[in-house]
PDB file of N, CA and C in Angstrom:
ATOM      1  N   UNK A   1      18.180 113.435  37.890  1.00  0.00           N
ATOM      2  CA  UNK A   1      19.325 113.995  37.201  1.00  0.00           C
ATOM      3  C   UNK A   1      20.444 112.977  37.137  1.00  0.00           C
ATOM      4  N   UNK A   2      21.211 113.097  36.083  1.00  0.00           N
ATOM      5  CA  UNK A   2      22.337 112.192  35.884  1.00  0.00           C
ATOM      6  C   UNK A   2      23.593 113.006  35.584  1.00  0.00           C
ATOM      7  N   UNK A   3      24.634 112.766  36.356  1.00  0.00           N
ATOM      8  CA  UNK A   3      25.931 113.391  36.099  1.00  0.00           C
ATOM      9  C   UNK A   3      26.694 112.452  35.166  1.00  0.00           C
ATOM     10  N   UNK A   4      26.845 112.839  33.916  1.00  0.00           N
ATOM     11  CA  UNK A   4      27.465 111.969  32.916  1.00  0.00           C
ATOM     12  C   UNK A   4      28.984 112.156  32.899  1.00  0.00           C
ATOM     13  N   UNK A   5      29.647 111.512  33.845  1.00  0.00           N
ATOM     14  CA  UNK A   5      31.099 111.607  33.973  1.00  0.00           C
ATOM     15  C   UNK A   5      31.799 111.068  32.736  1.00  0.00           C
ATOM     16  N   UNK A   6      31.252 110.048  32.128  1.00  0.00           N
ATOM     17  CA  UNK A   6      31.869 109.484  30.926  1.00  0.00           C
ATOM     18  C   UNK A   6      31.939 110.525  29.808  1.00  0.00           C
ATOM     19  N   UNK A   7      30.856 111.245  29.605  1.00  0.00           N
ATOM     20  CA  UNK A   7      30.835 112.256  28.548  1.00  0.00           C
ATOM     21  C   UNK A   7      31.823 113.385  28.835  1.00  0.00           C
ATOM     22  N   UNK A   8      31.944 113.761  30.091  1.00  0.00           N
ATOM     23  CA  UNK A   8      32.825 114.863  30.470  1.00  0.00           C
ATOM     24  C   UNK A   8      34.293 114.452  30.424  1.00  0.00           C
ATOM     25  N   UNK A   9      34.595 113.233  30.830  1.00  0.00           N
ATOM     26  CA  UNK A   9      35.992 112.824  31.004  1.00  0.00           C
ATOM     27  C   UNK A   9      36.593 112.048  29.829  1.00  0.00           C
ATOM     28  N   UNK A  10      35.765 111.635  28.888  1.00  0.00           N
ATOM     29  CA  UNK A  10      36.260 110.817  27.778  1.00  0.00           C
ATOM     30  C   UNK A  10      37.367 111.541  27.011  1.00  0.00           C
ATOM     31  N   UNK A  11      38.515 110.875  26.906  1.00  0.00           N
ATOM     32  CA  UNK A  11      39.647 111.426  26.173  1.00  0.00           C
ATOM     33  C   UNK A  11      40.470 112.445  26.938  1.00  0.00           C
ATOM     34  N   UNK A  12      40.121 112.691  28.184  1.00  0.00           N
ATOM     35  CA  UNK A  12      40.830 113.686  28.998  1.00  0.00           C
ATOM     36  C   UNK A  12      41.831 112.983  29.911  1.00  0.00           C
ATOM     37  N   UNK A  13      42.953 112.607  29.362  1.00  0.00           N
ATOM     38  CA  UNK A  13      43.960 111.861  30.124  1.00  0.00           C
ATOM     39  C   UNK A  13      44.466 112.642  31.332  1.00  0.00           C
ATOM     40  N   UNK A  14      44.443 113.966  31.254  1.00  0.00           N
ATOM     41  CA  UNK A  14      44.945 114.769  32.369  1.00  0.00           C
ATOM     42  C   UNK A  14      44.050 114.666  33.606  1.00  0.00           C
ATOM     43  N   UNK A  15      42.851 114.120  33.461  1.00  0.00           N
ATOM     44  CA  UNK A  15      41.949 113.951  34.604  1.00  0.00           C
ATOM     45  C   UNK A  15      42.296 112.711  35.417  1.00  0.00           C
ATOM     46  N   UNK A  16      43.103 111.818  34.854  1.00  0.00           N
ATOM     47  CA  UNK A  16      43.367 110.525  35.488  1.00  0.00           C
ATOM     48  C   UNK A  16      44.842 110.322  35.807  1.00  0.00           C
ATOM     49  N   UNK A  17      45.083 109.644  36.925  1.00  0.00           N
ATOM     50  CA  UNK A  17      46.440 109.254  37.312  1.00  0.00           C
ATOM     51  C   UNK A  17      46.942 108.202  36.323  1.00  0.00           C
ATOM     52  N   UNK A  18      48.220 107.892  36.369  1.00  0.00           N
ATOM     53  CA  UNK A  18      48.783 106.903  35.442  1.00  0.00           C
ATOM     54  C   UNK A  18      48.086 105.540  35.460  1.00  0.00           C
ATOM     55  N   UNK A  19      47.414 105.195  36.566  1.00  0.00           N
ATOM     56  CA  UNK A  19      46.725 103.899  36.615  1.00  0.00           C
ATOM     57  C   UNK A  19      45.430 103.900  35.807  1.00  0.00           C
ATOM     58  N   UNK A  20      44.994 105.084  35.337  1.00  0.00           N
ATOM     59  CA  UNK A  20      43.793 105.181  34.522  1.00  0.00           C
ATOM     60  C   UNK A  20      42.493 105.082  35.292  1.00  0.00           C
ATOM     61  N   UNK A  21      42.568 104.978  36.607  1.00  0.00           N
ATOM     62  CA  UNK A  21      41.371 104.827  37.435  1.00  0.00           C
ATOM     63  C   UNK A  21      41.197 106.014  38.382  1.00  0.00           C
ATOM     64  N   UNK A  22      42.237 106.314  39.125  1.00  0.00           N
ATOM     65  CA  UNK A  22      42.160 107.376  40.118  1.00  0.00           C
ATOM     66  C   UNK A  22      42.306 108.741  39.456  1.00  0.00           C
ATOM     67  N   UNK A  23      41.735 109.751  40.104  1.00  0.00           N
ATOM     68  CA  UNK A  23      41.736 111.091  39.536  1.00  0.00           C
ATOM     69  C   UNK A  23      42.934 111.907  39.993  1.00  0.00           C
ATOM     70  N   UNK A  24      43.352 112.799  39.110  1.00  0.00           N
ATOM     71  CA  UNK A  24      44.348 113.797  39.470  1.00  0.00           C
ATOM     72  C   UNK A  24      43.616 114.934  40.176  1.00  0.00           C
ATOM     73  N   UNK A  25      44.343 115.939  40.622  1.00  0.00           N
ATOM     74  CA  UNK A  25      43.719 117.116  41.244  1.00  0.00           C
ATOM     75  C   UNK A  25      42.755 117.763  40.258  1.00  0.00           C
ATOM     76  N   UNK A  26      43.182 117.918  39.030  1.00  0.00           N
ATOM     77  CA  UNK A  26      42.322 118.509  37.998  1.00  0.00           C
ATOM     78  C   UNK A  26      41.069 117.672  37.789  1.00  0.00           C
ATOM     79  N   UNK A  27      41.238 116.365  37.657  1.00  0.00           N
ATOM     80  CA  UNK A  27      40.096 115.475  37.469  1.00  0.00           C
ATOM     81  C   UNK A  27      39.137 115.520  38.640  1.00  0.00           C
ATOM     82  N   UNK A  28      39.678 115.568  39.838  1.00  0.00           N
ATOM     83  CA  UNK A  28      38.840 115.652  41.035  1.00  0.00           C
ATOM     84  C   UNK A  28      38.043 116.937  41.076  1.00  0.00           C
ATOM     85  N   UNK A  29      38.674 118.034  40.688  1.00  0.00           N
ATOM     86  CA  UNK A  29      37.976 119.318  40.656  1.00  0.00           C
ATOM     87  C   UNK A  29      36.853 119.307  39.625  1.00  0.00           C
ATOM     88  N   UNK A  30      37.137 118.764  38.450  1.00  0.00           N
ATOM     89  CA  UNK A  30      36.120 118.696  37.393  1.00  0.00           C
ATOM     90  C   UNK A  30      34.963 117.801  37.837  1.00  0.00           C
ATOM     91  N   UNK A  31      35.287 116.664  38.452  1.00  0.00           N
ATOM     92  CA  UNK A  31      34.254 115.742  38.926  1.00  0.00           C
ATOM     93  C   UNK A  31      33.389 116.412  39.995  1.00  0.00           C
ATOM     94  N   UNK A  32      34.019 117.089  40.942  1.00  0.00           N
ATOM     95  CA  UNK A  32      33.272 117.768  42.008  1.00  0.00           C
ATOM     96  C   UNK A  32      32.343 118.833  41.435  1.00  0.00           C
ATOM     97  N   UNK A  33      32.829 119.586  40.463  1.00  0.00           N
ATOM     98  CA  UNK A  33      31.985 120.606  39.837  1.00  0.00           C
ATOM     99  C   UNK A  33      30.833 119.988  39.058  1.00  0.00           C
ATOM    100  N   UNK A  34      31.076 118.865  38.416  1.00  0.00           N
ATOM    101  CA  UNK A  34      30.012 118.164  37.699  1.00  0.00           C
ATOM    102  C   UNK A  34      28.904 117.750  38.662  1.00  0.00           C
ATOM    103  N   UNK A  35      29.283 117.169  39.787  1.00  0.00           N
ATOM    104  CA  UNK A  35      28.293 116.741  40.782  1.00  0.00           C
ATOM    105  C   UNK A  35      27.542 117.956  41.330  1.00  0.00           C
ATOM    106  N   UNK A  36      28.269 119.002  41.679  1.00  0.00           N
ATOM    107  CA  UNK A  36      27.655 120.223  42.210  1.00  0.00           C
ATOM    108  C   UNK A  36      26.655 120.806  41.215  1.00  0.00           C
ATOM    109  N   UNK A  37      27.072 120.942  39.964  1.00  0.00           N
ATOM    110  CA  UNK A  37      26.198 121.516  38.940  1.00  0.00           C
ATOM    111  C   UNK A  37      24.982 120.638  38.678  1.00  0.00           C
ATOM    112  N   UNK A  38      25.161 119.331  38.724  1.00  0.00           N
ATOM    113  CA  UNK A  38      24.045 118.409  38.515  1.00  0.00           C
ATOM    114  C   UNK A  38      23.030 118.536  39.645  1.00  0.00           C
ATOM    115  N   UNK A  39      23.510 118.641  40.869  1.00  0.00           N
ATOM    116  CA  UNK A  39      22.609 118.773  42.014  1.00  0.00           C
ATOM    117  C   UNK A  39      21.881 120.110  42.019  1.00  0.00           C
ATOM    118  N   UNK A  40      22.520 121.140  41.525  1.00  0.00           N
ATOM    119  CA  UNK A  40      21.887 122.464  41.455  1.00  0.00           C
ATOM    120  C   UNK A  40      20.738 122.484  40.457  1.00  0.00           C
ATOM    121  N   UNK A  41      20.907 121.758  39.380  1.00  0.00           N
ATOM    122  CA  UNK A  41      19.868 121.705  38.355  1.00  0.00           C
ATOM    123  C   UNK A  41      19.935 122.882  37.407  1.00  0.00           C
ATOM    124  N   UNK A  42      18.962 122.927  36.519  1.00  0.00           N
ATOM    125  CA  UNK A  42      18.951 123.974  35.483  1.00  0.00           C
ATOM    126  C   UNK A  42      18.710 125.367  36.034  1.00  0.00           C
TER     127      UNK A  42
END
């Protein structure tokens, strides 16, 4: 399985801190859910 963070986060500036690298609280939550859902599988 592959968690495609690029597809999920592309264009979502609210997911990233002003430095463009680190995540905001919202971005961290979305990333954590992506990983969780990917590990759970279909």
